[in-house]
């Protein structure tokens, strides 16, 4: 009967010659969440979904580590082409970090079915004003840290998120990526990132709602050490998603980086009694010496600092220390003194005050 019906069909409407062949058609029912095709849905599958999301945001592809043997729910091993469908557990035709959260929830029995199996599952929609995306730079020097922060504390039930950033890879690079962890106990969210040619994708997911105090994602950038002159740059967001909601952040942070200079910095405290710290900045690796003079031009003390690397030496463990005593170990009297920074042929001078 079927053969008679096929003969009556005008296959391809005459465009291509068609031939009826014998064979077997196998219909496979996919097991949602099992992206590795091992017959089980675990946190390992969730981590690979996050890997997919992070890479997809920067144009990379993900090859899932699929088992070579067939899972219990199929007669053949899972194909890479089907892994996307398996990962899309909320069946919205987009693989996103919320899919990883749902897999984590399934792994710990918070849910027993996925939205793809139950279309009536509740939505996790997020309002466009429920988050803040901001940035700050610690300074304009090459040792600065530029931190981009995604604050989602305003979301009552935050389960997952994803953020894509674009930056000038010739100026800065990602140095640290982390979710703030202020709460004690419980498992931290899974976090995955991928980077390529000035693009960074970050994705995170949790089985349980992330506490407001932990709902801040920080991406810390550092300038490259090869910067030789003043540089202007920007960090922009090209994609943002929270839970299952795609958002448009329209975010841009512009920054300015100045190269290191040779200079003596203001001592602290000033005035002082009896001790002070003298910070300085070097434009190259140098042997450093500091001479201290009275206003009469007489040398009071010489501080041999030794070899120091290029950069700012400002903290109490890095700046030069003077105990307010002369070469004989005697405490100097109140008054104005001059300190001279020397590094090779370079010289710089500033004043300081001893006040007793």
Foldseek 3Di string as FASTA:
>chain_A
DVVVVVVPDCPPVPPDDDDDDDDDDDDADDAAQPLQQAQDQELVSLLQLQVQAQQVLVPHHDAHNHDQQHHPRDRGTDDSVCSQVNQPQLPPSDRANLSSLVSHLCNVVVDVGTCVVPVVDDDQDDDQPQKDWDWDWPDQAQAIKIKIKIQNLSRPFFFKKKWKKFWQPQWKDWDDKDFDDPDDDDDDWDKDWDDDRRMIMIMTGHNGGDHNVRRMIMTMMGTDPPDDAKDKIKMFIDWMDINHDTYDPRDMDIGIHGYWDWEWDDWPPFPDPAKIFTKTAANAWFFKKKWKAAPVRDTFAIDGLGTDGGGIQDDPVRTTMDRQHGPVRHHDDWDKMKMWMDTPPDIYIDIGTHDD
